[in-house]
């Protein structure tokens, strides 16, 4: 099991193996097997964004009833959960400040293991 540092940019939806490739926001240490999970989430976010773009051109559909918005939020929560799990202390502190972070759920998970 080889651990690797990966640099995540949520803003540009990319991951980098080297810190000087491009600007990034989060540093995580993960198994090589986890890296494709980040990429898959970024691909899914991109797909949902395209759907949202096309939906935005339908004036009678209200965006707050749109399932694509929910899908986008769900993917972002998964992404930040991974960053929280594998990130450094600074990354964890940032994610814990997000409005949808639920510390009780994390405590429950930790107690079960």
N, C-alpha and C. Protein backbone atom coordinates (compact mmCIF):
# COMPACT_ATOMS: atom_id res chain seq x y z
N UNK A 1 0.85 -1.16 0.00
CA UNK A 1 0.00 0.00 0.00
C UNK A 1 0.90 1.24 0.00
N UNK A 2 0.97 1.90 -1.13
CA UNK A 2 1.81 3.08 -1.28
C UNK A 2 0.97 4.33 -1.14
N UNK A 3 1.41 5.21 -0.25
CA UNK A 3 0.71 6.47 -0.08
C UNK A 3 1.36 7.53 -0.95
N UNK A 4 0.53 8.37 -1.53
CA UNK A 4 1.02 9.44 -2.40
C UNK A 4 0.37 10.75 -2.01
N UNK A 5 1.15 11.82 -2.14
CA UNK A 5 0.58 13.15 -1.96
C UNK A 5 -0.06 13.56 -3.27
N UNK A 6 -1.27 14.07 -3.16
CA UNK A 6 -2.00 14.56 -4.32
C UNK A 6 -2.49 15.95 -3.97
N UNK A 7 -2.47 16.83 -4.94
CA UNK A 7 -2.85 18.21 -4.74
C UNK A 7 -4.15 18.45 -5.49
N UNK A 8 -5.17 18.87 -4.76
CA UNK A 8 -6.53 18.98 -5.29
C UNK A 8 -6.90 20.45 -5.50
N UNK A 9 -7.44 20.74 -6.67
CA UNK A 9 -8.02 22.05 -6.93
C UNK A 9 -9.51 21.86 -7.18
N UNK A 10 -10.31 22.23 -6.20
CA UNK A 10 -11.76 22.13 -6.35
C UNK A 10 -12.22 23.18 -7.36
N UNK A 11 -11.59 24.33 -7.32
CA UNK A 11 -11.98 25.43 -8.21
C UNK A 11 -11.85 25.05 -9.68
N UNK A 12 -10.73 24.41 -10.04
CA UNK A 12 -10.55 24.02 -11.45
C UNK A 12 -10.91 22.56 -11.69
N UNK A 13 -11.36 21.86 -10.65
CA UNK A 13 -11.77 20.46 -10.72
C UNK A 13 -10.68 19.58 -11.33
N UNK A 14 -9.49 19.69 -10.74
CA UNK A 14 -8.36 18.90 -11.20
C UNK A 14 -7.56 18.41 -10.02
N UNK A 15 -6.79 17.36 -10.26
CA UNK A 15 -5.84 16.90 -9.25
C UNK A 15 -4.46 16.85 -9.89
N UNK A 16 -3.48 17.09 -9.06
CA UNK A 16 -2.10 17.16 -9.53
C UNK A 16 -1.22 16.28 -8.67
N UNK A 17 -0.24 15.67 -9.30
CA UNK A 17 0.69 14.82 -8.57
C UNK A 17 1.90 15.60 -8.07
N UNK A 18 2.10 16.80 -8.62
CA UNK A 18 3.23 17.64 -8.22
C UNK A 18 2.71 19.01 -7.81
N UNK A 19 3.23 19.57 -6.73
CA UNK A 19 2.68 20.82 -6.20
C UNK A 19 2.89 22.03 -7.10
N UNK A 20 3.86 21.96 -8.00
CA UNK A 20 4.14 23.12 -8.84
C UNK A 20 3.52 23.03 -10.23
N UNK A 21 2.64 22.06 -10.44
CA UNK A 21 1.97 21.93 -11.74
C UNK A 21 1.00 23.08 -12.00
N UNK A 22 0.27 23.44 -10.97
CA UNK A 22 -0.76 24.46 -11.11
C UNK A 22 -1.24 24.83 -9.71
N UNK A 23 -1.95 25.94 -9.56
CA UNK A 23 -2.47 26.28 -8.24
C UNK A 23 -3.45 25.22 -7.73
N UNK A 24 -3.41 24.95 -6.44
CA UNK A 24 -4.28 23.96 -5.82
C UNK A 24 -4.71 24.49 -4.46
N UNK A 25 -5.77 23.89 -3.90
CA UNK A 25 -6.28 24.33 -2.61
C UNK A 25 -6.01 23.34 -1.48
N UNK A 26 -5.97 22.04 -1.79
CA UNK A 26 -5.88 21.03 -0.74
C UNK A 26 -4.79 20.00 -1.06
N UNK A 27 -4.09 19.60 -0.02
CA UNK A 27 -3.12 18.52 -0.14
C UNK A 27 -3.66 17.31 0.61
N UNK A 28 -3.70 16.17 -0.05
CA UNK A 28 -4.18 14.94 0.58
C UNK A 28 -3.14 13.85 0.40
N UNK A 29 -3.13 12.91 1.32
CA UNK A 29 -2.25 11.76 1.23
C UNK A 29 -3.14 10.53 1.11
N UNK A 30 -3.08 9.87 -0.04
CA UNK A 30 -3.99 8.77 -0.34
C UNK A 30 -3.25 7.59 -0.96
N UNK A 31 -3.91 6.44 -0.94
CA UNK A 31 -3.44 5.29 -1.72
C UNK A 31 -3.64 5.60 -3.18
N UNK A 32 -2.86 5.01 -4.02
CA UNK A 32 -2.99 5.21 -5.47
C UNK A 32 -4.38 4.79 -5.95
N UNK A 33 -5.02 3.87 -5.24
CA UNK A 33 -6.34 3.37 -5.65
C UNK A 33 -7.44 4.42 -5.45
N UNK A 34 -7.20 5.39 -4.59
CA UNK A 34 -8.21 6.41 -4.30
C UNK A 34 -8.18 7.54 -5.33
N UNK A 35 -7.06 7.74 -5.97
CA UNK A 35 -6.91 8.85 -6.92
C UNK A 35 -7.99 8.83 -8.01
N UNK A 36 -8.32 7.68 -8.61
CA UNK A 36 -9.39 7.69 -9.61
C UNK A 36 -10.76 8.11 -9.07
N UNK A 37 -10.98 7.96 -7.78
CA UNK A 37 -12.25 8.37 -7.18
C UNK A 37 -12.39 9.89 -7.29
N UNK A 38 -11.31 10.61 -7.00
CA UNK A 38 -11.34 12.07 -7.16
C UNK A 38 -11.64 12.44 -8.60
N UNK A 39 -10.95 11.77 -9.53
CA UNK A 39 -11.15 12.08 -10.94
C UNK A 39 -12.58 11.79 -11.39
N UNK A 40 -13.13 10.69 -10.91
CA UNK A 40 -14.51 10.33 -11.27
C UNK A 40 -15.50 11.39 -10.74
N UNK A 41 -15.27 11.86 -9.52
CA UNK A 41 -16.14 12.91 -8.97
C UNK A 41 -16.03 14.19 -9.80
N UNK A 42 -14.83 14.54 -10.22
CA UNK A 42 -14.66 15.73 -11.06
C UNK A 42 -15.37 15.55 -12.40
N UNK A 43 -15.27 14.36 -12.97
CA UNK A 43 -15.97 14.09 -14.24
C UNK A 43 -17.48 14.19 -14.07
N UNK A 44 -17.99 13.66 -12.97
CA UNK A 44 -19.43 13.73 -12.70
C UNK A 44 -19.88 15.17 -12.48
N UNK A 45 -19.07 15.95 -11.78
CA UNK A 45 -19.41 17.36 -11.58
C UNK A 45 -19.46 18.10 -12.91
N UNK A 46 -18.52 17.80 -13.78
CA UNK A 46 -18.50 18.43 -15.09
C UNK A 46 -19.76 18.08 -15.89
N UNK A 47 -20.16 16.83 -15.84
CA UNK A 47 -21.36 16.38 -16.54
C UNK A 47 -22.61 17.06 -16.00
N UNK A 48 -22.70 17.18 -14.68
CA UNK A 48 -23.86 17.83 -14.07
C UNK A 48 -23.87 19.32 -14.42
N UNK A 49 -22.71 19.95 -14.47
CA UNK A 49 -22.64 21.36 -14.84
C UNK A 49 -23.17 21.59 -16.26
N UNK A 50 -22.85 20.68 -17.16
CA UNK A 50 -23.34 20.79 -18.53
C UNK A 50 -24.87 20.67 -18.55
N UNK A 51 -25.40 19.72 -17.79
CA UNK A 51 -26.86 19.57 -17.69
C UNK A 51 -27.50 20.83 -17.13
N UNK A 52 -26.85 21.41 -16.13
CA UNK A 52 -27.37 22.65 -15.53
C UNK A 52 -27.35 23.79 -16.53
N UNK A 53 -26.34 23.84 -17.36
CA UNK A 53 -26.27 24.88 -18.39
C UNK A 53 -27.47 24.80 -19.32
N UNK A 54 -27.76 23.58 -19.80
CA UNK A 54 -28.89 23.42 -20.73
C UNK A 54 -30.22 23.67 -20.03
N UNK A 55 -30.34 23.24 -18.79
CA UNK A 55 -31.57 23.47 -18.04
C UNK A 55 -31.81 24.96 -17.82
N UNK A 56 -30.74 25.73 -17.67
CA UNK A 56 -30.88 27.17 -17.42
C UNK A 56 -31.55 27.89 -18.58
N UNK A 57 -31.60 27.26 -19.73
CA UNK A 57 -32.21 27.89 -20.90
C UNK A 57 -33.69 27.54 -21.06
N UNK A 58 -34.24 26.86 -20.08
CA UNK A 58 -35.67 26.55 -20.08
C UNK A 58 -36.32 27.45 -19.03
N UNK A 59 -36.97 28.53 -19.46
CA UNK A 59 -37.44 29.54 -18.50
C UNK A 59 -38.53 29.07 -17.54
N UNK A 60 -39.31 28.07 -17.90
CA UNK A 60 -40.42 27.68 -17.03
C UNK A 60 -39.98 26.71 -15.93
N UNK A 61 -38.77 26.19 -16.01
CA UNK A 61 -38.27 25.26 -14.98
C UNK A 61 -37.53 26.03 -13.91
N UNK A 62 -38.03 25.98 -12.72
CA UNK A 62 -37.40 26.70 -11.61
C UNK A 62 -36.19 25.91 -11.11
N UNK A 63 -35.07 26.60 -10.95
CA UNK A 63 -33.82 25.94 -10.63
C UNK A 63 -33.84 25.27 -9.25
N UNK A 64 -34.58 25.82 -8.30
CA UNK A 64 -34.57 25.24 -6.96
C UNK A 64 -35.39 23.94 -6.87
N UNK A 65 -36.08 23.57 -7.93
CA UNK A 65 -36.75 22.28 -7.98
C UNK A 65 -36.01 21.31 -8.92
N UNK A 66 -34.81 21.66 -9.26
CA UNK A 66 -34.06 20.93 -10.26
C UNK A 66 -33.20 19.84 -9.63
N UNK A 67 -33.36 18.61 -10.09
CA UNK A 67 -32.60 17.49 -9.53
C UNK A 67 -31.12 17.59 -9.86
N UNK A 68 -30.76 18.28 -10.95
CA UNK A 68 -29.34 18.42 -11.29
C UNK A 68 -28.61 19.24 -10.23
N UNK A 69 -29.28 20.24 -9.67
CA UNK A 69 -28.65 21.00 -8.58
C UNK A 69 -28.37 20.11 -7.38
N UNK A 70 -29.31 19.23 -7.07
CA UNK A 70 -29.12 18.30 -5.96
C UNK A 70 -27.97 17.34 -6.25
N UNK A 71 -27.86 16.90 -7.50
CA UNK A 71 -26.77 16.00 -7.87
C UNK A 71 -25.42 16.70 -7.74
N UNK A 72 -25.37 17.96 -8.12
CA UNK A 72 -24.13 18.73 -8.00
C UNK A 72 -23.73 18.85 -6.52
N UNK A 73 -24.69 19.21 -5.68
CA UNK A 73 -24.42 19.35 -4.24
C UNK A 73 -23.96 18.03 -3.65
N UNK A 74 -24.59 16.95 -4.05
CA UNK A 74 -24.23 15.63 -3.53
C UNK A 74 -22.78 15.28 -3.88
N UNK A 75 -22.37 15.57 -5.12
CA UNK A 75 -21.00 15.28 -5.54
C UNK A 75 -19.99 16.15 -4.79
N UNK A 76 -20.36 17.42 -4.58
CA UNK A 76 -19.46 18.32 -3.85
C UNK A 76 -19.29 17.85 -2.40
N UNK A 77 -20.35 17.40 -1.79
CA UNK A 77 -20.25 16.88 -0.43
C UNK A 77 -19.35 15.66 -0.37
N UNK A 78 -19.46 14.78 -1.37
CA UNK A 78 -18.59 13.61 -1.42
C UNK A 78 -17.13 14.02 -1.59
N UNK A 79 -16.91 15.00 -2.44
CA UNK A 79 -15.56 15.48 -2.68
C UNK A 79 -14.95 16.05 -1.40
N UNK A 80 -15.70 16.89 -0.71
CA UNK A 80 -15.19 17.47 0.53
C UNK A 80 -15.06 16.43 1.64
N UNK A 81 -15.88 15.40 1.62
CA UNK A 81 -15.73 14.31 2.59
C UNK A 81 -14.41 13.58 2.37
N UNK A 82 -14.05 13.34 1.12
CA UNK A 82 -12.76 12.71 0.81
C UNK A 82 -11.61 13.61 1.22
N UNK A 83 -11.73 14.89 0.95
CA UNK A 83 -10.68 15.83 1.34
C UNK A 83 -10.54 15.84 2.85
N UNK A 84 -11.65 15.80 3.56
CA UNK A 84 -11.61 15.78 5.03
C UNK A 84 -10.95 14.49 5.52
N UNK A 85 -11.27 13.39 4.90
CA UNK A 85 -10.74 12.10 5.35
C UNK A 85 -9.24 11.97 5.12
N UNK A 86 -8.76 12.43 3.99
CA UNK A 86 -7.37 12.21 3.63
C UNK A 86 -6.50 13.47 3.70
N UNK A 87 -7.09 14.60 4.03
CA UNK A 87 -6.37 15.86 4.02
C UNK A 87 -5.56 16.10 5.28
N UNK A 88 -4.74 17.15 5.22
CA UNK A 88 -3.96 17.55 6.37
C UNK A 88 -4.87 18.32 7.35
N UNK A 89 -4.30 18.77 8.44
CA UNK A 89 -5.09 19.44 9.48
C UNK A 89 -5.76 20.70 8.95
N UNK A 90 -5.06 21.46 8.14
CA UNK A 90 -5.63 22.69 7.58
C UNK A 90 -6.85 22.38 6.71
N UNK A 91 -6.75 21.32 5.90
CA UNK A 91 -7.86 20.92 5.04
C UNK A 91 -9.05 20.46 5.88
N UNK A 92 -8.78 19.67 6.90
CA UNK A 92 -9.86 19.19 7.76
C UNK A 92 -10.57 20.35 8.44
N UNK A 93 -9.79 21.31 8.93
CA UNK A 93 -10.39 22.47 9.60
C UNK A 93 -11.27 23.26 8.64
N UNK A 94 -10.82 23.41 7.40
CA UNK A 94 -11.62 24.13 6.41
C UNK A 94 -12.94 23.41 6.17
N UNK A 95 -12.88 22.11 5.93
CA UNK A 95 -14.10 21.35 5.63
C UNK A 95 -15.06 21.37 6.81
N UNK A 96 -14.53 21.34 8.01
CA UNK A 96 -15.39 21.37 9.20
C UNK A 96 -16.12 22.70 9.35
N UNK A 97 -15.64 23.74 8.69
CA UNK A 97 -16.30 25.04 8.74
C UNK A 97 -17.42 25.17 7.71
N UNK A 98 -17.51 24.24 6.79
CA UNK A 98 -18.56 24.30 5.77
C UNK A 98 -19.92 24.07 6.41
N UNK A 99 -20.96 24.72 5.89
CA UNK A 99 -22.28 24.65 6.54
C UNK A 99 -22.89 23.26 6.57
N UNK A 100 -22.56 22.40 5.65
CA UNK A 100 -23.20 21.08 5.63
C UNK A 100 -22.37 20.01 6.31
N UNK A 101 -21.25 20.37 6.93
CA UNK A 101 -20.46 19.39 7.66
C UNK A 101 -21.19 19.01 8.94
N UNK A 102 -21.30 17.70 9.19
CA UNK A 102 -22.03 17.20 10.35
C UNK A 102 -21.07 16.43 11.24
N UNK A 103 -20.53 17.05 12.31
CA UNK A 103 -19.57 16.35 13.16
C UNK A 103 -20.17 15.18 13.91
N UNK A 104 -21.45 15.19 14.20
CA UNK A 104 -22.06 14.07 14.93
C UNK A 104 -22.01 12.80 14.10
N UNK A 105 -22.20 12.91 12.82
CA UNK A 105 -22.15 11.73 11.95
C UNK A 105 -20.74 11.14 11.96
N UNK A 106 -19.73 11.99 11.91
CA UNK A 106 -18.35 11.52 11.94
C UNK A 106 -18.06 10.82 13.27
N UNK A 107 -18.53 11.39 14.39
CA UNK A 107 -18.32 10.76 15.69
C UNK A 107 -18.98 9.40 15.75
N UNK A 108 -20.16 9.26 15.17
CA UNK A 108 -20.86 7.98 15.15
C UNK A 108 -20.07 6.95 14.35
N UNK A 109 -19.54 7.36 13.22
CA UNK A 109 -18.76 6.45 12.39
C UNK A 109 -17.50 6.00 13.15
N UNK A 110 -16.83 6.93 13.82
CA UNK A 110 -15.61 6.59 14.55
C UNK A 110 -15.89 5.65 15.71
N UNK A 111 -17.05 5.81 16.35
CA UNK A 111 -17.39 4.95 17.49
C UNK A 111 -17.66 3.51 17.02
N UNK A 112 -18.14 3.36 15.79
CA UNK A 112 -18.45 2.02 15.28
C UNK A 112 -17.20 1.25 14.87
N UNK A 113 -16.07 1.93 14.75
CA UNK A 113 -14.84 1.25 14.32
C UNK A 113 -13.84 1.15 15.41
